[in-house]
Amino acid sequence: MDDIYLEHILDHFKSPRNYGILQDANYVYEGGNPTCGDMVKFFVKVSDGKIEDIRFIGKGCAISQASASILTELVKGKDLEFVKNMTKEQLLDELGIELSPTRLKCALLSIETLKMALFGELS
């Protein structure tokens, strides 16, 4: 694993961006991975078809929590169509590391949960 990517993940894990509860969210959804116990809950405020603000809370491994933090940075200010069309590969590219099948589930928990929050389905 490249040290720069490891540092990137650890930075987001130790100092997550957009962490906390958003009181005026109009979308809230919690997802979890029962296999390992990772959990992430998104609070999203959408206005005029754009993500005006986004926050998350969660617990779990560094990969799952860093992934959620990175995802919030990617989608904040973007329109809903961007999020709907966002692929799992785009998020994995942002993480920048090779993942085992078990860790892949950890990394993808955030995007799957966000899409369920906004669209009620995985797209």
PDB file of N, CA and C in Angstrom:
ATOM      1  N   MET A   1       0.847  -1.178   0.000  1.00  0.00           N
ATOM      2  CA  MET A   1       0.000   0.000   0.000  1.00  0.00           C
ATOM      3  C   MET A   1       0.892   1.240   0.000  1.00  0.00           C
ATOM      4  N   ASP A   2       0.572   2.154  -0.869  1.00  0.00           N
ATOM      5  CA  ASP A   2       1.334   3.391  -0.978  1.00  0.00           C
ATOM      6  C   ASP A   2       1.099   4.247   0.269  1.00  0.00           C
ATOM      7  N   ASP A   3       2.193   4.710   0.873  1.00  0.00           N
ATOM      8  CA  ASP A   3       2.092   5.470   2.122  1.00  0.00           C
ATOM      9  C   ASP A   3       1.232   6.726   1.998  1.00  0.00           C
ATOM     10  N   ILE A   4       1.268   7.386   0.845  1.00  0.00           N
ATOM     11  CA  ILE A   4       0.498   8.622   0.690  1.00  0.00           C
ATOM     12  C   ILE A   4      -1.001   8.343   0.764  1.00  0.00           C
ATOM     13  N   TYR A   5      -1.433   7.211   0.215  1.00  0.00           N
ATOM     14  CA  TYR A   5      -2.849   6.853   0.287  1.00  0.00           C
ATOM     15  C   TYR A   5      -3.229   6.424   1.694  1.00  0.00           C
ATOM     16  N   LEU A   6      -2.336   5.721   2.355  1.00  0.00           N
ATOM     17  CA  LEU A   6      -2.591   5.333   3.731  1.00  0.00           C
ATOM     18  C   LEU A   6      -2.731   6.574   4.610  1.00  0.00           C
ATOM     19  N   GLU A   7      -1.864   7.546   4.422  1.00  0.00           N
ATOM     20  CA  GLU A   7      -1.949   8.801   5.175  1.00  0.00           C
ATOM     21  C   GLU A   7      -3.269   9.520   4.897  1.00  0.00           C
ATOM     22  N   HIS A   8      -3.693   9.508   3.636  1.00  0.00           N
ATOM     23  CA  HIS A   8      -4.948  10.140   3.212  1.00  0.00           C
ATOM     24  C   HIS A   8      -6.130   9.508   3.957  1.00  0.00           C
ATOM     25  N   ILE A   9      -6.161   8.185   4.014  1.00  0.00           N
ATOM     26  CA  ILE A   9      -7.241   7.474   4.692  1.00  0.00           C
ATOM     27  C   ILE A   9      -7.193   7.728   6.194  1.00  0.00           C
ATOM     28  N   LEU A  10      -6.010   7.660   6.781  1.00  0.00           N
ATOM     29  CA  LEU A  10      -5.883   7.896   8.222  1.00  0.00           C
ATOM     30  C   LEU A  10      -6.256   9.329   8.593  1.00  0.00           C
ATOM     31  N   ASP A  11      -5.936  10.289   7.733  1.00  0.00           N
ATOM     32  CA  ASP A  11      -6.306  11.679   7.981  1.00  0.00           C
ATOM     33  C   ASP A  11      -7.827  11.824   8.033  1.00  0.00           C
ATOM     34  N   HIS A  12      -8.527  11.223   7.065  1.00  0.00           N
ATOM     35  CA  HIS A  12      -9.992  11.302   7.049  1.00  0.00           C
ATOM     36  C   HIS A  12     -10.603  10.526   8.212  1.00  0.00           C
ATOM     37  N   PHE A  13      -9.955   9.457   8.638  1.00  0.00           N
ATOM     38  CA  PHE A  13     -10.458   8.676   9.762  1.00  0.00           C
ATOM     39  C   PHE A  13     -10.290   9.444  11.077  1.00  0.00           C
ATOM     40  N   LYS A  14      -9.122  10.032  11.278  1.00  0.00           N
ATOM     41  CA  LYS A  14      -8.839  10.737  12.528  1.00  0.00           C
ATOM     42  C   LYS A  14      -9.510  12.108  12.600  1.00  0.00           C
ATOM     43  N   SER A  15      -9.652  12.759  11.438  1.00  0.00           N
ATOM     44  CA  SER A  15     -10.274  14.091  11.372  1.00  0.00           C
ATOM     45  C   SER A  15     -11.325  14.094  10.261  1.00  0.00           C
ATOM     46  N   PRO A  16     -12.426  13.404  10.484  1.00  0.00           N
ATOM     47  CA  PRO A  16     -13.421  13.293   9.411  1.00  0.00           C
ATOM     48  C   PRO A  16     -14.028  14.643   9.063  1.00  0.00           C
ATOM     49  N   ARG A  17     -14.219  14.834   7.780  1.00  0.00           N
ATOM     50  CA  ARG A  17     -14.851  16.056   7.287  1.00  0.00           C
ATOM     51  C   ARG A  17     -16.365  15.877   7.353  1.00  0.00           C
ATOM     52  N   ASN A  18     -17.060  16.955   7.644  1.00  0.00           N
ATOM     53  CA  ASN A  18     -18.525  16.964   7.652  1.00  0.00           C
ATOM     54  C   ASN A  18     -19.107  15.946   8.630  1.00  0.00           C
ATOM     55  N   TYR A  19     -18.454  15.776   9.771  1.00  0.00           N
ATOM     56  CA  TYR A  19     -18.912  14.820  10.776  1.00  0.00           C
ATOM     57  C   TYR A  19     -19.873  15.512  11.737  1.00  0.00           C
ATOM     58  N   GLY A  20     -20.963  14.857  12.031  1.00  0.00           N
ATOM     59  CA  GLY A  20     -21.922  15.366  13.002  1.00  0.00           C
ATOM     60  C   GLY A  20     -23.335  15.281  12.477  1.00  0.00           C
ATOM     61  N   ILE A  21     -24.266  15.737  13.286  1.00  0.00           N
ATOM     62  CA  ILE A  21     -25.690  15.685  12.949  1.00  0.00           C
ATOM     63  C   ILE A  21     -26.102  17.013  12.343  1.00  0.00           C
ATOM     64  N   LEU A  22     -26.859  16.932  11.273  1.00  0.00           N
ATOM     65  CA  LEU A  22     -27.390  18.118  10.591  1.00  0.00           C
ATOM     66  C   LEU A  22     -28.868  18.227  10.972  1.00  0.00           C
ATOM     67  N   GLN A  23     -29.185  19.202  11.796  1.00  0.00           N
ATOM     68  CA  GLN A  23     -30.534  19.317  12.355  1.00  0.00           C
ATOM     69  C   GLN A  23     -31.619  19.556  11.304  1.00  0.00           C
ATOM     70  N   ASP A  24     -31.310  20.316  10.264  1.00  0.00           N
ATOM     71  CA  ASP A  24     -32.350  20.644   9.279  1.00  0.00           C
ATOM     72  C   ASP A  24     -32.254  19.780   8.007  1.00  0.00           C
ATOM     73  N   ALA A  25     -31.736  18.579   8.159  1.00  0.00           N
ATOM     74  CA  ALA A  25     -31.628  17.657   7.016  1.00  0.00           C
ATOM     75  C   ALA A  25     -33.023  17.262   6.542  1.00  0.00           C
ATOM     76  N   ASN A  26     -33.169  17.130   5.226  1.00  0.00           N
ATOM     77  CA  ASN A  26     -34.436  16.616   4.722  1.00  0.00           C
ATOM     78  C   ASN A  26     -34.318  15.177   4.229  1.00  0.00           C
ATOM     79  N   TYR A  27     -33.129  14.603   4.349  1.00  0.00           N
ATOM     80  CA  TYR A  27     -32.911  13.177   4.094  1.00  0.00           C
ATOM     81  C   TYR A  27     -31.997  12.636   5.182  1.00  0.00           C
ATOM     82  N   VAL A  28     -32.425  11.550   5.805  1.00  0.00           N
ATOM     83  CA  VAL A  28     -31.622  10.896   6.842  1.00  0.00           C
ATOM     84  C   VAL A  28     -31.732   9.394   6.606  1.00  0.00           C
ATOM     85  N   TYR A  29     -30.593   8.734   6.615  1.00  0.00           N
ATOM     86  CA  TYR A  29     -30.617   7.279   6.405  1.00  0.00           C
ATOM     87  C   TYR A  29     -29.380   6.663   7.045  1.00  0.00           C
ATOM     88  N   GLU A  30     -29.594   5.508   7.674  1.00  0.00           N
ATOM     89  CA  GLU A  30     -28.499   4.789   8.312  1.00  0.00           C
ATOM     90  C   GLU A  30     -28.304   3.443   7.633  1.00  0.00           C
ATOM     91  N   GLY A  31     -27.055   3.135   7.342  1.00  0.00           N
ATOM     92  CA  GLY A  31     -26.711   1.846   6.765  1.00  0.00           C
ATOM     93  C   GLY A  31     -25.637   1.183   7.589  1.00  0.00           C
ATOM     94  N   GLY A  32     -25.597  -0.122   7.500  1.00  0.00           N
ATOM     95  CA  GLY A  32     -24.603  -0.839   8.266  1.00  0.00           C
ATOM     96  C   GLY A  32     -24.153  -2.106   7.582  1.00  0.00           C
ATOM     97  N   ASN A  33     -23.047  -2.600   8.045  1.00  0.00           N
ATOM     98  CA  ASN A  33     -22.500  -3.855   7.559  1.00  0.00           C
ATOM     99  C   ASN A  33     -22.544  -4.833   8.727  1.00  0.00           C
ATOM    100  N   PRO A  34     -23.529  -5.740   8.735  1.00  0.00           N
ATOM    101  CA  PRO A  34     -23.667  -6.638   9.875  1.00  0.00           C
ATOM    102  C   PRO A  34     -22.490  -7.594  10.056  1.00  0.00           C
ATOM    103  N   THR A  35     -21.741  -7.817   9.000  1.00  0.00           N
ATOM    104  CA  THR A  35     -20.601  -8.729   9.078  1.00  0.00           C
ATOM    105  C   THR A  35     -19.506  -8.195   9.996  1.00  0.00           C
ATOM    106  N   CYS A  36     -19.225  -6.895   9.878  1.00  0.00           N
ATOM    107  CA  CYS A  36     -18.113  -6.338  10.650  1.00  0.00           C
ATOM    108  C   CYS A  36     -18.543  -5.279  11.668  1.00  0.00           C
ATOM    109  N   GLY A  37     -19.793  -4.822  11.592  1.00  0.00           N
ATOM    110  CA  GLY A  37     -20.280  -3.840  12.555  1.00  0.00           C
ATOM    111  C   GLY A  37     -20.112  -2.389  12.150  1.00  0.00           C
ATOM    112  N   ASP A  38     -19.603  -2.128  10.937  1.00  0.00           N
ATOM    113  CA  ASP A  38     -19.496  -0.743  10.472  1.00  0.00           C
ATOM    114  C   ASP A  38     -20.889  -0.139  10.352  1.00  0.00           C
ATOM    115  N   MET A  39     -21.000   1.152  10.674  1.00  0.00           N
ATOM    116  CA  MET A  39     -22.257   1.868  10.570  1.00  0.00           C
ATOM    117  C   MET A  39     -21.977   3.293  10.122  1.00  0.00           C
ATOM    118  N   VAL A  40     -22.851   3.796   9.258  1.00  0.00           N
ATOM    119  CA  VAL A  40     -22.776   5.191   8.840  1.00  0.00           C
ATOM    120  C   VAL A  40     -24.205   5.709   8.681  1.00  0.00           C
ATOM    121  N   LYS A  41     -24.418   6.933   9.139  1.00  0.00           N
ATOM    122  CA  LYS A  41     -25.727   7.567   9.028  1.00  0.00           C
ATOM    123  C   LYS A  41     -25.520   8.935   8.401  1.00  0.00           C
ATOM    124  N   PHE A  42     -26.217   9.169   7.292  1.00  0.00           N
ATOM    125  CA  PHE A  42     -26.092  10.433   6.573  1.00  0.00           C
ATOM    126  C   PHE A  42     -27.264  11.350   6.876  1.00  0.00           C
ATOM    127  N   PHE A  43     -26.957  12.634   6.963  1.00  0.00           N
ATOM    128  CA  PHE A  43     -27.931  13.704   7.110  1.00  0.00           C
ATOM    129  C   PHE A  43     -27.679  14.638   5.922  1.00  0.00           C
ATOM    130  N   VAL A  44     -28.669  14.806   5.072  1.00  0.00           N
ATOM    131  CA  VAL A  44     -28.462  15.561   3.841  1.00  0.00           C
ATOM    132  C   VAL A  44     -29.526  16.637   3.709  1.00  0.00           C
ATOM    133  N   LYS A  45     -29.086  17.846   3.418  1.00  0.00           N
ATOM    134  CA  LYS A  45     -30.009  18.934   3.118  1.00  0.00           C
ATOM    135  C   LYS A  45     -29.917  19.218   1.625  1.00  0.00           C
ATOM    136  N   VAL A  46     -31.032  19.013   0.953  1.00  0.00           N
ATOM    137  CA  VAL A  46     -31.113  19.243  -0.485  1.00  0.00           C
ATOM    138  C   VAL A  46     -31.980  20.469  -0.716  1.00  0.00           C
ATOM    139  N   SER A  47     -31.499  21.351  -1.569  1.00  0.00           N
ATOM    140  CA  SER A  47     -32.236  22.556  -1.930  1.00  0.00           C
ATOM    141  C   SER A  47     -32.037  22.808  -3.417  1.00  0.00           C
ATOM    142  N   ASP A  48     -33.110  23.025  -4.126  1.00  0.00           N
ATOM    143  CA  ASP A  48     -33.066  23.276  -5.567  1.00  0.00           C
ATOM    144  C   ASP A  48     -32.283  22.197  -6.315  1.00  0.00           C
ATOM    145  N   GLY A  49     -32.464  20.948  -5.890  1.00  0.00           N
ATOM    146  CA  GLY A  49     -31.840  19.823  -6.589  1.00  0.00           C
ATOM    147  C   GLY A  49     -30.351  19.647  -6.329  1.00  0.00           C
ATOM    148  N   LYS A  50     -29.813  20.387  -5.353  1.00  0.00           N
ATOM    149  CA  LYS A  50     -28.385  20.278  -5.035  1.00  0.00           C
ATOM    150  C   LYS A  50     -28.197  19.931  -3.563  1.00  0.00           C
ATOM    151  N   ILE A  51     -27.092  19.275  -3.279  1.00  0.00           N
ATOM    152  CA  ILE A  51     -26.752  18.974  -1.892  1.00  0.00           C
ATOM    153  C   ILE A  51     -26.160  20.237  -1.278  1.00  0.00           C
ATOM    154  N   GLU A  52     -26.989  20.909  -0.524  1.00  0.00           N
ATOM    155  CA  GLU A  52     -26.583  22.155   0.116  1.00  0.00           C
ATOM    156  C   GLU A  52     -25.632  21.880   1.277  1.00  0.00           C
ATOM    157  N   ASP A  53     -25.950  20.819   2.052  1.00  0.00           N
ATOM    158  CA  ASP A  53     -25.090  20.442   3.163  1.00  0.00           C
ATOM    159  C   ASP A  53     -25.235  18.945   3.396  1.00  0.00           C
ATOM    160  N   ILE A  54     -24.205  18.349   3.953  1.00  0.00           N
ATOM    161  CA  ILE A  54     -24.209  16.922   4.240  1.00  0.00           C
ATOM    162  C   ILE A  54     -23.326  16.669   5.452  1.00  0.00           C
ATOM    163  N   ARG A  55     -23.801  15.803   6.314  1.00  0.00           N
ATOM    164  CA  ARG A  55     -23.048  15.394   7.498  1.00  0.00           C
ATOM    165  C   ARG A  55     -23.231  13.890   7.676  1.00  0.00           C
ATOM    166  N   PHE A  56     -22.353  13.314   8.453  1.00  0.00           N
ATOM    167  CA  PHE A  56     -22.505  11.905   8.770  1.00  0.00           C
ATOM    168  C   PHE A  56     -22.003  11.634  10.177  1.00  0.00           C
ATOM    169  N   ILE A  57     -22.523  10.567  10.741  1.00  0.00           N
ATOM    170  CA  ILE A  57     -21.983  10.011  11.969  1.00  0.00           C
ATOM    171  C   ILE A  57     -21.770   8.534  11.698  1.00  0.00           C
ATOM    172  N   GLY A  58     -20.903   7.927  12.447  1.00  0.00           N
ATOM    173  CA  GLY A  58     -20.687   6.509  12.220  1.00  0.00           C
ATOM    174  C   GLY A  58     -19.672   5.926  13.171  1.00  0.00           C
ATOM    175  N   LYS A  59     -19.503   4.638  13.016  1.00  0.00           N
ATOM    176  CA  LYS A  59     -18.488   3.918  13.769  1.00  0.00           C
ATOM    177  C   LYS A  59     -18.032   2.764  12.896  1.00  0.00           C
ATOM    178  N   GLY A  60     -16.811   2.373  13.108  1.00  0.00           N
ATOM    179  CA  GLY A  60     -16.296   1.251  12.336  1.00  0.00           C
ATOM    180  C   GLY A  60     -14.832   1.432  12.003  1.00  0.00           C
ATOM    181  N   CYS A  61     -14.405   0.678  11.034  1.00  0.00           N
ATOM    182  CA  CYS A  61     -12.997   0.664  10.651  1.00  0.00           C
ATOM    183  C   CYS A  61     -12.599   1.952   9.933  1.00  0.00           C
ATOM    184  N   ALA A  62     -11.307   2.141   9.801  1.00  0.00           N
ATOM    185  CA  ALA A  62     -10.773   3.339   9.145  1.00  0.00           C
ATOM    186  C   ALA A  62     -11.270   3.466   7.714  1.00  0.00           C
ATOM    187  N   ILE A  63     -11.383   2.352   7.001  1.00  0.00           N
ATOM    188  CA  ILE A  63     -11.817   2.399   5.600  1.00  0.00           C
ATOM    189  C   ILE A  63     -13.254   2.905   5.499  1.00  0.00           C
ATOM    190  N   SER A  64     -14.154   2.368   6.304  1.00  0.00           N
ATOM    191  CA  SER A  64     -15.563   2.772   6.206  1.00  0.00           C
ATOM    192  C   SER A  64     -15.755   4.238   6.593  1.00  0.00           C
ATOM    193  N   GLN A  65     -15.092   4.678   7.619  1.00  0.00           N
ATOM    194  CA  GLN A  65     -15.280   6.047   8.086  1.00  0.00           C
ATOM    195  C   GLN A  65     -14.566   7.059   7.191  1.00  0.00           C
ATOM    196  N   ALA A  66     -13.395   6.710   6.699  1.00  0.00           N
ATOM    197  CA  ALA A  66     -12.697   7.591   5.754  1.00  0.00           C
ATOM    198  C   ALA A  66     -13.479   7.695   4.456  1.00  0.00           C
ATOM    199  N   SER A  67     -14.046   6.599   4.022  1.00  0.00           N
ATOM    200  CA  SER A  67     -14.848   6.597   2.801  1.00  0.00           C
ATOM    201  C   SER A  67     -16.035   7.553   2.927  1.00  0.00           C
ATOM    202  N   ALA A  68     -16.709   7.539   4.071  1.00  0.00           N
ATOM    203  CA  ALA A  68     -17.839   8.438   4.295  1.00  0.00           C
ATOM    204  C   ALA A  68     -17.388   9.893   4.288  1.00  0.00           C
ATOM    205  N   SER A  69     -16.261  10.173   4.924  1.00  0.00           N
ATOM    206  CA  SER A  69     -15.729  11.526   4.962  1.00  0.00           C
ATOM    207  C   SER A  69     -15.370  12.015   3.558  1.00  0.00           C
ATOM    208  N   ILE A  70     -14.693  11.183   2.807  1.00  0.00           N
ATOM    209  CA  ILE A  70     -14.305  11.527   1.434  1.00  0.00           C
ATOM    210  C   ILE A  70     -15.537  11.742   0.567  1.00  0.00           C
ATOM    211  N   LEU A  71     -16.528  10.877   0.737  1.00  0.00           N
ATOM    212  CA  LEU A  71     -17.749  10.997  -0.061  1.00  0.00           C
ATOM    213  C   LEU A  71     -18.454  12.321   0.197  1.00  0.00           C
ATOM    214  N   THR A  72     -18.506  12.760   1.456  1.00  0.00           N
ATOM    215  CA  THR A  72     -19.173  14.035   1.731  1.00  0.00           C
ATOM    216  C   THR A  72     -18.479  15.183   1.012  1.00  0.00           C
ATOM    217  N   GLU A  73     -17.165  15.134   0.948  1.00  0.00           N
ATOM    218  CA  GLU A  73     -16.431  16.185   0.230  1.00  0.00           C
ATOM    219  C   GLU A  73     -16.716  16.143  -1.270  1.00  0.00           C
ATOM    220  N   LEU A  74     -16.870  14.948  -1.806  1.00  0.00           N
ATOM    221  CA  LEU A  74     -17.117  14.799  -3.241  1.00  0.00           C
ATOM    222  C   LEU A  74     -18.486  15.314  -3.664  1.00  0.00           C
ATOM    223  N   VAL A  75     -19.497  15.142  -2.812  1.00  0.00           N
ATOM    224  CA  VAL A  75     -20.866  15.440  -3.237  1.00  0.00           C
ATOM    225  C   VAL A  75     -21.408  16.779  -2.742  1.00  0.00           C
ATOM    226  N   LYS A  76     -20.775  17.361  -1.751  1.00  0.00           N
ATOM    227  CA  LYS A  76     -21.280  18.628  -1.219  1.00  0.00           C
ATOM    228  C   LYS A  76     -21.278  19.688  -2.316  1.00  0.00           C
ATOM    229  N   GLY A  77     -22.450  20.318  -2.519  1.00  0.00           N
ATOM    230  CA  GLY A  77     -22.599  21.340  -3.545  1.00  0.00           C
ATOM    231  C   GLY A  77     -22.959  20.800  -4.924  1.00  0.00           C
ATOM    232  N   LYS A  78     -22.954  19.492  -5.065  1.00  0.00           N
ATOM    233  CA  LYS A  78     -23.263  18.879  -6.366  1.00  0.00           C
ATOM    234  C   LYS A  78     -24.771  18.650  -6.497  1.00  0.00           C
ATOM    235  N   ASP A  79     -25.224  18.527  -7.749  1.00  0.00           N
ATOM    236  CA  ASP A  79     -26.639  18.244  -7.953  1.00  0.00           C
ATOM    237  C   ASP A  79     -26.914  16.753  -7.767  1.00  0.00           C
ATOM    238  N   LEU A  80     -28.180  16.438  -7.562  1.00  0.00           N
ATOM    239  CA  LEU A  80     -28.570  15.059  -7.277  1.00  0.00           C
ATOM    240  C   LEU A  80     -28.241  14.121  -8.421  1.00  0.00           C
ATOM    241  N   GLU A  81     -28.275  14.613  -9.632  1.00  0.00           N
ATOM    242  CA  GLU A  81     -27.949  13.768 -10.792  1.00  0.00           C
ATOM    243  C   GLU A  81     -26.496  13.299 -10.727  1.00  0.00           C
ATOM    244  N   PHE A  82     -25.604  14.159 -10.262  1.00  0.00           N
ATOM    245  CA  PHE A  82     -24.205  13.773 -10.085  1.00  0.00           C
ATOM    246  C   PHE A  82     -24.106  12.587  -9.130  1.00  0.00           C
ATOM    247  N   VAL A  83     -24.809  12.683  -8.002  1.00  0.00           N
ATOM    248  CA  VAL A  83     -24.762  11.609  -7.007  1.00  0.00           C
ATOM    249  C   VAL A  83     -25.375  10.340  -7.578  1.00  0.00           C
ATOM    250  N   LYS A  84     -26.498  10.471  -8.252  1.00  0.00           N
ATOM    251  CA  LYS A  84     -27.176   9.298  -8.810  1.00  0.00           C
ATOM    252  C   LYS A  84     -26.281   8.562  -9.797  1.00  0.00           C
ATOM    253  N   ASN A  85     -25.514   9.318 -10.574  1.00  0.00           N
ATOM    254  CA  ASN A  85     -24.649   8.717 -11.596  1.00  0.00           C
ATOM    255  C   ASN A  85     -23.265   8.349 -11.079  1.00  0.00           C
ATOM    256  N   MET A  86     -22.958   8.718  -9.858  1.00  0.00           N
ATOM    257  CA  MET A  86     -21.645   8.407  -9.300  1.00  0.00           C
ATOM    258  C   MET A  86     -21.484   6.894  -9.162  1.00  0.00           C
ATOM    259  N   THR A  87     -20.330   6.415  -9.580  1.00  0.00           N
ATOM    260  CA  THR A  87     -20.084   4.979  -9.533  1.00  0.00           C
ATOM    261  C   THR A  87     -19.259   4.610  -8.303  1.00  0.00           C
ATOM    262  N   LYS A  88     -19.347   3.358  -7.968  1.00  0.00           N
ATOM    263  CA  LYS A  88     -18.544   2.842  -6.860  1.00  0.00           C
ATOM    264  C   LYS A  88     -17.060   3.001  -7.175  1.00  0.00           C
ATOM    265  N   GLU A  89     -16.722   2.835  -8.445  1.00  0.00           N
ATOM    266  CA  GLU A  89     -15.325   2.956  -8.859  1.00  0.00           C
ATOM    267  C   GLU A  89     -14.778   4.357  -8.624  1.00  0.00           C
ATOM    268  N   GLN A  90     -15.617   5.372  -8.792  1.00  0.00           N
ATOM    269  CA  GLN A  90     -15.170   6.742  -8.537  1.00  0.00           C
ATOM    270  C   GLN A  90     -14.765   6.915  -7.077  1.00  0.00           C
ATOM    271  N   LEU A  91     -15.567   6.374  -6.179  1.00  0.00           N
ATOM    272  CA  LEU A  91     -15.230   6.469  -4.766  1.00  0.00           C
ATOM    273  C   LEU A  91     -13.977   5.656  -4.450  1.00  0.00           C
ATOM    274  N   LEU A  92     -13.876   4.474  -5.021  1.00  0.00           N
ATOM    275  CA  LEU A  92     -12.693   3.643  -4.787  1.00  0.00           C
ATOM    276  C   LEU A  92     -11.434   4.319  -5.314  1.00  0.00           C
ATOM    277  N   ASP A  93     -11.548   5.024  -6.441  1.00  0.00           N
ATOM    278  CA  ASP A  93     -10.400   5.774  -6.976  1.00  0.00           C
ATOM    279  C   ASP A  93      -9.950   6.848  -5.988  1.00  0.00           C
ATOM    280  N   GLU A  94     -10.901   7.485  -5.324  1.00  0.00           N
ATOM    281  CA  GLU A  94     -10.564   8.512  -4.335  1.00  0.00           C
ATOM    282  C   GLU A  94      -9.852   7.913  -3.126  1.00  0.00           C
ATOM    283  N   LEU A  95     -10.229   6.693  -2.757  1.00  0.00           N
ATOM    284  CA  LEU A  95      -9.536   6.019  -1.654  1.00  0.00           C
ATOM    285  C   LEU A  95      -8.108   5.686  -2.060  1.00  0.00           C
ATOM    286  N   GLY A  96      -7.935   5.224  -3.285  1.00  0.00           N
ATOM    287  CA  GLY A  96      -6.602   5.038  -3.845  1.00  0.00           C
ATOM    288  C   GLY A  96      -5.838   3.805  -3.406  1.00  0.00           C
ATOM    289  N   ILE A  97      -6.512   2.820  -2.845  1.00  0.00           N
ATOM    290  CA  ILE A  97      -5.805   1.615  -2.420  1.00  0.00           C
ATOM    291  C   ILE A  97      -6.527   0.368  -2.929  1.00  0.00           C
ATOM    292  N   GLU A  98      -5.776  -0.710  -3.048  1.00  0.00           N
ATOM    293  CA  GLU A  98      -6.364  -2.007  -3.380  1.00  0.00           C
ATOM    294  C   GLU A  98      -7.044  -2.548  -2.129  1.00  0.00           C
ATOM    295  N   LEU A  99      -8.236  -3.106  -2.314  1.00  0.00           N
ATOM    296  CA  LEU A  99      -8.991  -3.614  -1.173  1.00  0.00           C
ATOM    297  C   LEU A  99      -9.374  -5.068  -1.375  1.00  0.00           C
ATOM    298  N   SER A 100      -9.341  -5.818  -0.297  1.00  0.00           N
ATOM    299  CA  SER A 100      -9.820  -7.198  -0.321  1.00  0.00           C
ATOM    300  C   SER A 100     -11.348  -7.158  -0.426  1.00  0.00           C
ATOM    301  N   PRO A 101     -11.976  -8.265  -0.803  1.00  0.00           N
ATOM    302  CA  PRO A 101     -13.448  -8.279  -0.873  1.00  0.00           C
ATOM    303  C   PRO A 101     -14.122  -7.850   0.433  1.00  0.00           C
ATOM    304  N   THR A 102     -13.559  -8.214   1.553  1.00  0.00           N
ATOM    305  CA  THR A 102     -14.129  -7.822   2.841  1.00  0.00           C
ATOM    306  C   THR A 102     -14.032  -6.316   3.034  1.00  0.00           C
ATOM    307  N   ARG A 103     -12.884  -5.745   2.742  1.00  0.00           N
ATOM    308  CA  ARG A 103     -12.685  -4.297   2.887  1.00  0.00           C
ATOM    309  C   ARG A 103     -13.454  -3.510   1.826  1.00  0.00           C
ATOM    310  N   LEU A 104     -13.719  -4.128   0.701  1.00  0.00           N
ATOM    311  CA  LEU A 104     -14.505  -3.481  -0.353  1.00  0.00           C
ATOM    312  C   LEU A 104     -15.899  -3.136   0.179  1.00  0.00           C
ATOM    313  N   LYS A 105     -16.496  -4.034   0.929  1.00  0.00           N
ATOM    314  CA  LYS A 105     -17.808  -3.769   1.530  1.00  0.00           C
ATOM    315  C   LYS A 105     -17.733  -2.589   2.487  1.00  0.00           C
ATOM    316  N   CYS A 106     -16.642  -2.484   3.224  1.00  0.00           N
ATOM    317  CA  CYS A 106     -16.444  -1.359   4.139  1.00  0.00           C
ATOM    318  C   CYS A 106     -16.381  -0.043   3.366  1.00  0.00           C
ATOM    319  N   ALA A 107     -15.646  -0.046   2.288  1.00  0.00           N
ATOM    320  CA  ALA A 107     -15.446   1.167   1.496  1.00  0.00           C
ATOM    321  C   ALA A 107     -16.722   1.615   0.795  1.00  0.00           C
ATOM    322  N   LEU A 108     -17.540   0.664   0.385  1.00  0.00           N
ATOM    323  CA  LEU A 108     -18.739   0.997  -0.397  1.00  0.00           C
ATOM    324  C   LEU A 108     -19.973   1.260   0.453  1.00  0.00           C
ATOM    325  N   LEU A 109     -19.880   1.019   1.750  1.00  0.00           N
ATOM    326  CA  LEU A 109     -21.012   1.263   2.630  1.00  0.00           C
ATOM    327  C   LEU A 109     -21.507   2.701   2.505  1.00  0.00           C
ATOM    328  N   SER A 110     -20.614   3.655   2.423  1.00  0.00           N
ATOM    329  CA  SER A 110     -21.016   5.063   2.390  1.00  0.00           C
ATOM    330  C   SER A 110     -21.803   5.415   1.133  1.00  0.00           C
ATOM    331  N   ILE A 111     -21.333   5.021  -0.029  1.00  0.00           N
ATOM    332  CA  ILE A 111     -22.037   5.384  -1.262  1.00  0.00           C
ATOM    333  C   ILE A 111     -23.374   4.658  -1.358  1.00  0.00           C
ATOM    334  N   GLU A 112     -23.411   3.425  -0.905  1.00  0.00           N
ATOM    335  CA  GLU A 112     -24.670   2.684  -0.922  1.00  0.00           C
ATOM    336  C   GLU A 112     -25.682   3.326   0.029  1.00  0.00           C
ATOM    337  N   THR A 113     -25.232   3.743   1.198  1.00  0.00           N
ATOM    338  CA  THR A 113     -26.120   4.378   2.176  1.00  0.00           C
ATOM    339  C   THR A 113     -26.606   5.727   1.681  1.00  0.00           C
ATOM    340  N   LEU A 114     -25.726   6.519   1.098  1.00  0.00           N
ATOM    341  CA  LEU A 114     -26.130   7.822   0.582  1.00  0.00           C
ATOM    342  C   LEU A 114     -27.160   7.681  -0.530  1.00  0.00           C
ATOM    343  N   LYS A 115     -26.951   6.750  -1.433  1.00  0.00           N
ATOM    344  CA  LYS A 115     -27.916   6.554  -2.525  1.00  0.00           C
ATOM    345  C   LYS A 115     -29.263   6.060  -2.001  1.00  0.00           C
ATOM    346  N   MET A 116     -29.241   5.230  -0.970  1.00  0.00           N
ATOM    347  CA  MET A 116     -30.508   4.811  -0.355  1.00  0.00           C
ATOM    348  C   MET A 116     -31.195   6.001   0.297  1.00  0.00           C
ATOM    349  N   ALA A 117     -30.442   6.876   0.931  1.00  0.00           N
ATOM    350  CA  ALA A 117     -31.004   8.054   1.573  1.00  0.00           C
ATOM    351  C   ALA A 117     -31.702   8.960   0.557  1.00  0.00           C
ATOM    352  N   LEU A 118     -31.046   9.189  -0.552  1.00  0.00           N
ATOM    353  CA  LEU A 118     -31.554  10.152  -1.520  1.00  0.00           C
ATOM    354  C   LEU A 118     -32.555   9.573  -2.503  1.00  0.00           C
ATOM    355  N   PHE A 119     -32.376   8.324  -2.881  1.00  0.00           N
ATOM    356  CA  PHE A 119     -33.176   7.768  -3.976  1.00  0.00           C
ATOM    357  C   PHE A 119     -33.982   6.532  -3.580  1.00  0.00           C
ATOM    358  N   GLY A 120     -33.748   6.010  -2.388  1.00  0.00           N
ATOM    359  CA  GLY A 120     -34.463   4.830  -1.939  1.00  0.00           C
ATOM    360  C   GLY A 120     -34.058   3.550  -2.635  1.00  0.00           C
ATOM    361  N   GLU A 121     -32.964   3.629  -3.375  1.00  0.00           N
ATOM    362  CA  GLU A 121     -32.459   2.464  -4.100  1.00  0.00           C
ATOM    363  C   GLU A 121     -31.016   2.694  -4.473  1.00  0.00           C
ATOM    364  N   LEU A 122     -30.332   1.630  -4.771  1.00  0.00           N
ATOM    365  CA  LEU A 122     -28.963   1.740  -5.286  1.00  0.00           C
ATOM    366  C   LEU A 122     -29.066   2.002  -6.779  1.00  0.00           C
ATOM    367  N   SER A 123     -28.313   2.951  -7.257  1.00  0.00           N
ATOM    368  CA  SER A 123     -28.364   3.228  -8.700  1.00  0.00           C
ATOM    369  C   SER A 123     -26.997   3.063  -9.305  1.00  0.00           C
TER     370      SER A 123
END
